[in-house]
Amino acid sequence: MKIGRLLLRLTVGSLFFGHGTQKLFGWFGGHGLGATANMFDSIGMRPGNRNAVAAGLAEAGGGAGIALGLATPLSASVLVSTMLTAINRVHLKSGPWLTNGGYEYNIVLIAAVLALVEVGPGELSLDHLLDNERTGPGWTLAALALGVAGALGAHFAAEAYPAAVEAPADATGAASSNGDAAAPTETQEAGTAQ
C-alpha cells in the first residue's frame, strides 16, 4: 500500500470538497450561494447563480470523488475545469505568483489531480474496491481534455449570456444629494463584488 497517494487524495479532495461547500452552503466560513453568485456575476460568469451552483457542485463532488478514489479521471476533470475557469476569470491578469493574486496554486492543484489519474487512486480507494481503476497517460490526457472542454464551455456560455442593464438613476434623472447619480438599488448592487 502506498500512503503518499492516500494522503494526497485525502488532502486535495477534502479541501476541494470544503471549497465547494463554502460556495453552496456557506460552510467552513464560506459566503454561501448568494454572495458567490454575486461575485460570479461581477467577473462575467453570468448568470451568477447558475455558475456558482455549477462550480460548487463540481468542487464538492469532484473533491469527494478524489478523496474517496471514486471515478478518479472524471473527478479530476471537473476540478481541472473549475481551476482553469478560475485562472481565466480571476488570476491570469495577475501573472503566475500567488503573492500577486496569480494562478500558481491553481496550476499546482491541476497537476496534483492529474498526477492522481496517472498513477491511480491506490489500493485504499473505491475505484480499486470496485475493480474500476482507470490510470495511465491516456486517462490523464482524457481528464485534461475534458477539463479544458468544460472550462471553454463555461466561458462561452457566460459570454453568450447578456450582462445586466443598469437602470437610470431615477425617473427624472435627478442626482442624489451628494451630487452623484442616485444610489444603486439593491438589485443593481447584487451584480457587483462586495
Protein backbone atom coordinates (compact mmCIF):
# COMPACT_ATOMS: atom_id res chain seq x y z
CA MET A 1 0.00 0.00 0.00
CA LYS A 2 1.24 3.48 -0.89
CA ILE A 3 0.44 6.02 1.83
CA GLY A 4 1.53 9.05 -0.25
CA ARG A 5 -1.30 8.67 -2.74
CA LEU A 6 -3.84 8.28 0.03
CA LEU A 7 -2.58 11.41 1.80
CA LEU A 8 -2.61 13.39 -1.44
CA ARG A 9 -6.13 12.23 -2.28
CA LEU A 10 -7.48 12.98 1.18
CA THR A 11 -5.81 16.38 1.40
CA VAL A 12 -6.61 17.70 -2.06
CA GLY A 13 -10.04 16.06 -2.22
CA SER A 14 -11.20 17.26 1.19
CA LEU A 15 -10.00 20.80 0.55
CA PHE A 16 -11.87 20.91 -2.78
CA PHE A 17 -14.95 19.49 -1.03
CA GLY A 18 -14.70 22.22 1.58
CA HIS A 19 -14.24 24.92 -1.03
CA GLY A 20 -17.31 23.73 -2.94
CA THR A 21 -19.47 23.65 0.18
CA GLN A 22 -18.30 27.15 1.08
CA LYS A 23 -19.85 28.28 -2.21
CA LEU A 24 -23.01 26.22 -1.91
CA PHE A 25 -23.86 26.36 1.79
CA GLY A 26 -21.53 28.84 3.46
CA TRP A 27 -19.85 26.00 5.38
CA PHE A 28 -16.30 26.34 6.73
CA GLY A 29 -16.51 30.13 6.84
CA GLY A 30 -17.72 30.49 3.26
CA HIS A 31 -20.03 33.19 2.00
CA GLY A 32 -22.76 30.92 0.65
CA LEU A 33 -24.57 30.78 -2.64
CA GLY A 34 -25.95 34.35 -2.76
CA ALA A 35 -22.61 36.07 -2.23
CA THR A 36 -20.84 33.61 -4.52
CA ALA A 37 -23.42 34.23 -7.25
CA ASN A 38 -22.88 37.99 -6.91
CA MET A 39 -19.12 37.51 -7.23
CA PHE A 40 -19.58 35.29 -10.29
CA ASP A 41 -21.77 37.96 -11.90
CA SER A 42 -19.08 40.55 -11.18
CA ILE A 43 -16.41 38.53 -13.02
CA GLY A 44 -18.66 37.94 -16.02
CA MET A 45 -19.72 34.37 -15.18
CA ARG A 46 -23.37 35.04 -15.95
CA PRO A 47 -25.82 34.08 -14.72
CA GLY A 48 -24.02 34.13 -11.42
CA ASN A 49 -26.34 31.78 -9.57
CA ARG A 50 -26.19 29.02 -12.20
CA ASN A 51 -22.41 29.25 -12.42
CA ALA A 52 -21.96 29.39 -8.64
CA VAL A 53 -24.06 26.22 -8.26
CA ALA A 54 -22.12 24.51 -11.06
CA ALA A 55 -18.73 25.46 -9.58
CA GLY A 56 -19.79 24.49 -6.06
CA LEU A 57 -21.12 21.11 -7.20
CA ALA A 58 -18.03 20.47 -9.32
CA GLU A 59 -15.67 21.28 -6.45
CA ALA A 60 -17.65 19.44 -3.77
CA GLY A 61 -18.41 16.42 -5.99
CA GLY A 62 -15.00 16.29 -7.63
CA GLY A 63 -13.29 16.74 -4.27
CA ALA A 64 -15.33 13.96 -2.70
CA GLY A 65 -14.53 11.73 -5.68
CA ILE A 66 -10.80 12.40 -5.37
CA ALA A 67 -10.83 11.87 -1.58
CA LEU A 68 -12.71 8.57 -1.94
CA GLY A 69 -10.81 7.48 -5.04
CA LEU A 70 -14.06 7.21 -6.98
CA ALA A 71 -14.30 7.83 -10.74
CA THR A 72 -10.88 9.41 -10.44
CA PRO A 73 -10.47 10.62 -14.06
CA LEU A 74 -13.95 12.18 -14.09
CA SER A 75 -13.49 13.70 -10.63
CA ALA A 76 -10.17 15.19 -11.73
CA SER A 77 -11.65 16.57 -14.96
CA VAL A 78 -14.32 18.65 -13.19
CA LEU A 79 -11.69 20.04 -10.83
CA VAL A 80 -9.40 20.88 -13.75
CA SER A 81 -12.33 22.68 -15.36
CA THR A 82 -13.06 24.83 -12.30
CA MET A 83 -9.39 25.67 -11.82
CA LEU A 84 -8.93 26.66 -15.48
CA THR A 85 -12.04 28.83 -15.23
CA ALA A 86 -10.68 30.47 -12.06
CA ILE A 87 -7.36 31.12 -13.81
CA ASN A 88 -9.10 32.63 -16.83
CA ARG A 89 -11.62 34.78 -14.95
CA VAL A 90 -9.69 35.81 -11.84
CA HIS A 91 -5.97 35.05 -11.72
CA LEU A 92 -4.50 35.28 -15.22
CA LYS A 93 -4.23 39.07 -15.23
CA SER A 94 -2.06 38.91 -12.09
CA GLY A 95 0.62 36.63 -13.51
CA PRO A 96 1.74 33.33 -12.03
CA TRP A 97 2.67 34.24 -8.46
CA LEU A 98 0.17 33.78 -5.65
CA THR A 99 1.63 36.76 -3.79
CA ASN A 100 0.21 38.95 -6.57
CA GLY A 101 -3.12 37.10 -6.80
CA GLY A 102 -1.79 34.85 -9.55
CA TYR A 103 -2.53 31.30 -10.65
CA GLU A 104 0.35 29.20 -9.31
CA TYR A 105 -1.85 27.48 -6.69
CA ASN A 106 -4.45 26.58 -9.32
CA ILE A 107 -1.74 25.04 -11.51
CA VAL A 108 -0.42 23.00 -8.56
CA LEU A 109 -3.93 21.67 -7.88
CA ILE A 110 -4.40 20.78 -11.55
CA ALA A 111 -1.06 18.95 -11.55
CA ALA A 112 -1.95 17.11 -8.33
CA VAL A 113 -5.29 15.75 -9.55
CA LEU A 114 -3.84 14.81 -12.94
CA ALA A 115 -0.95 13.03 -11.22
CA LEU A 116 -3.51 11.01 -9.27
CA VAL A 117 -5.15 10.00 -12.53
CA GLU A 118 -1.77 8.97 -13.95
CA VAL A 119 -0.77 6.75 -11.02
CA GLY A 120 -4.28 5.77 -9.94
CA PRO A 121 -6.03 6.27 -6.62
CA GLY A 122 -4.34 3.29 -4.94
CA GLU A 123 -5.47 0.25 -3.01
CA LEU A 124 -7.46 2.19 -0.42
CA SER A 125 -9.94 3.61 -2.91
CA LEU A 126 -13.43 2.89 -4.16
CA ASP A 127 -12.12 2.58 -7.72
CA HIS A 128 -9.81 -0.24 -6.56
CA LEU A 129 -12.53 -1.86 -4.45
CA LEU A 130 -14.94 -1.80 -7.41
CA ASP A 131 -12.20 -3.00 -9.79
CA ASN A 132 -12.72 0.15 -11.80
CA GLU A 133 -9.32 1.85 -11.75
CA ARG A 134 -8.61 3.87 -14.88
CA THR A 135 -5.00 5.04 -14.87
CA GLY A 136 -2.12 5.93 -17.13
CA PRO A 137 -1.27 8.62 -19.64
CA GLY A 138 -4.32 8.07 -21.84
CA TRP A 139 -6.74 8.59 -18.95
CA THR A 140 -4.70 11.57 -17.75
CA LEU A 141 -4.90 13.24 -21.17
CA ALA A 142 -8.63 12.43 -21.34
CA ALA A 143 -9.20 14.05 -17.92
CA LEU A 144 -7.21 17.12 -19.03
CA ALA A 145 -9.09 17.35 -22.33
CA LEU A 146 -12.47 17.04 -20.60
CA GLY A 147 -11.42 19.71 -18.09
CA VAL A 148 -10.36 22.08 -20.87
CA ALA A 149 -13.64 21.43 -22.71
CA GLY A 150 -15.62 22.16 -19.55
CA ALA A 151 -13.76 25.42 -18.93
CA LEU A 152 -14.25 26.51 -22.54
CA GLY A 153 -17.94 25.61 -22.34
CA ALA A 154 -18.36 27.65 -19.15
CA HIS A 155 -16.54 30.60 -20.73
CA PHE A 156 -18.58 30.63 -23.94
CA ALA A 157 -21.88 30.09 -22.09
CA ALA A 158 -21.12 33.04 -19.81
CA GLU A 159 -20.12 35.24 -22.74
CA ALA A 160 -23.36 34.40 -24.54
CA TYR A 161 -25.45 35.45 -21.54
CA PRO A 162 -26.28 39.17 -21.65
CA ALA A 163 -24.94 41.47 -18.97
CA ALA A 164 -27.44 43.13 -16.67
CA VAL A 165 -28.62 46.50 -17.91
CA GLU A 166 -28.24 49.32 -15.41
CA ALA A 167 -31.44 51.25 -14.75
CA PRO A 168 -31.40 55.05 -14.96
CA ALA A 169 -30.67 56.92 -11.72
CA ASP A 170 -34.37 57.68 -11.25
CA ALA A 171 -37.37 58.51 -13.40
CA THR A 172 -36.47 62.21 -13.63
CA GLY A 173 -32.73 61.71 -13.96
CA ALA A 174 -32.11 63.70 -10.77
CA ALA A 175 -28.83 63.30 -8.97
CA SER A 176 -28.54 62.24 -5.35
CA SER A 177 -27.90 64.73 -2.56
CA ASN A 178 -24.13 64.25 -2.81
CA GLY A 179 -24.12 65.39 -6.44
CA ASP A 180 -23.63 61.91 -7.89
CA ALA A 181 -26.19 59.81 -9.67
CA ALA A 182 -28.75 58.28 -7.36
CA ALA A 183 -27.50 55.42 -5.20
CA PRO A 184 -27.86 51.98 -6.77
CA THR A 185 -30.80 49.88 -5.76
CA GLU A 186 -30.37 46.52 -4.05
CA THR A 187 -30.95 44.83 -7.41
CA GLN A 188 -28.16 46.82 -9.02
CA GLU A 189 -25.79 46.13 -6.11
CA ALA A 190 -26.43 42.39 -6.36
CA GLY A 191 -24.32 42.25 -9.53
CA THR A 192 -21.22 43.82 -8.00
CA ALA A 193 -18.47 42.30 -5.93
CA GLN A 194 -18.58 43.13 -2.25
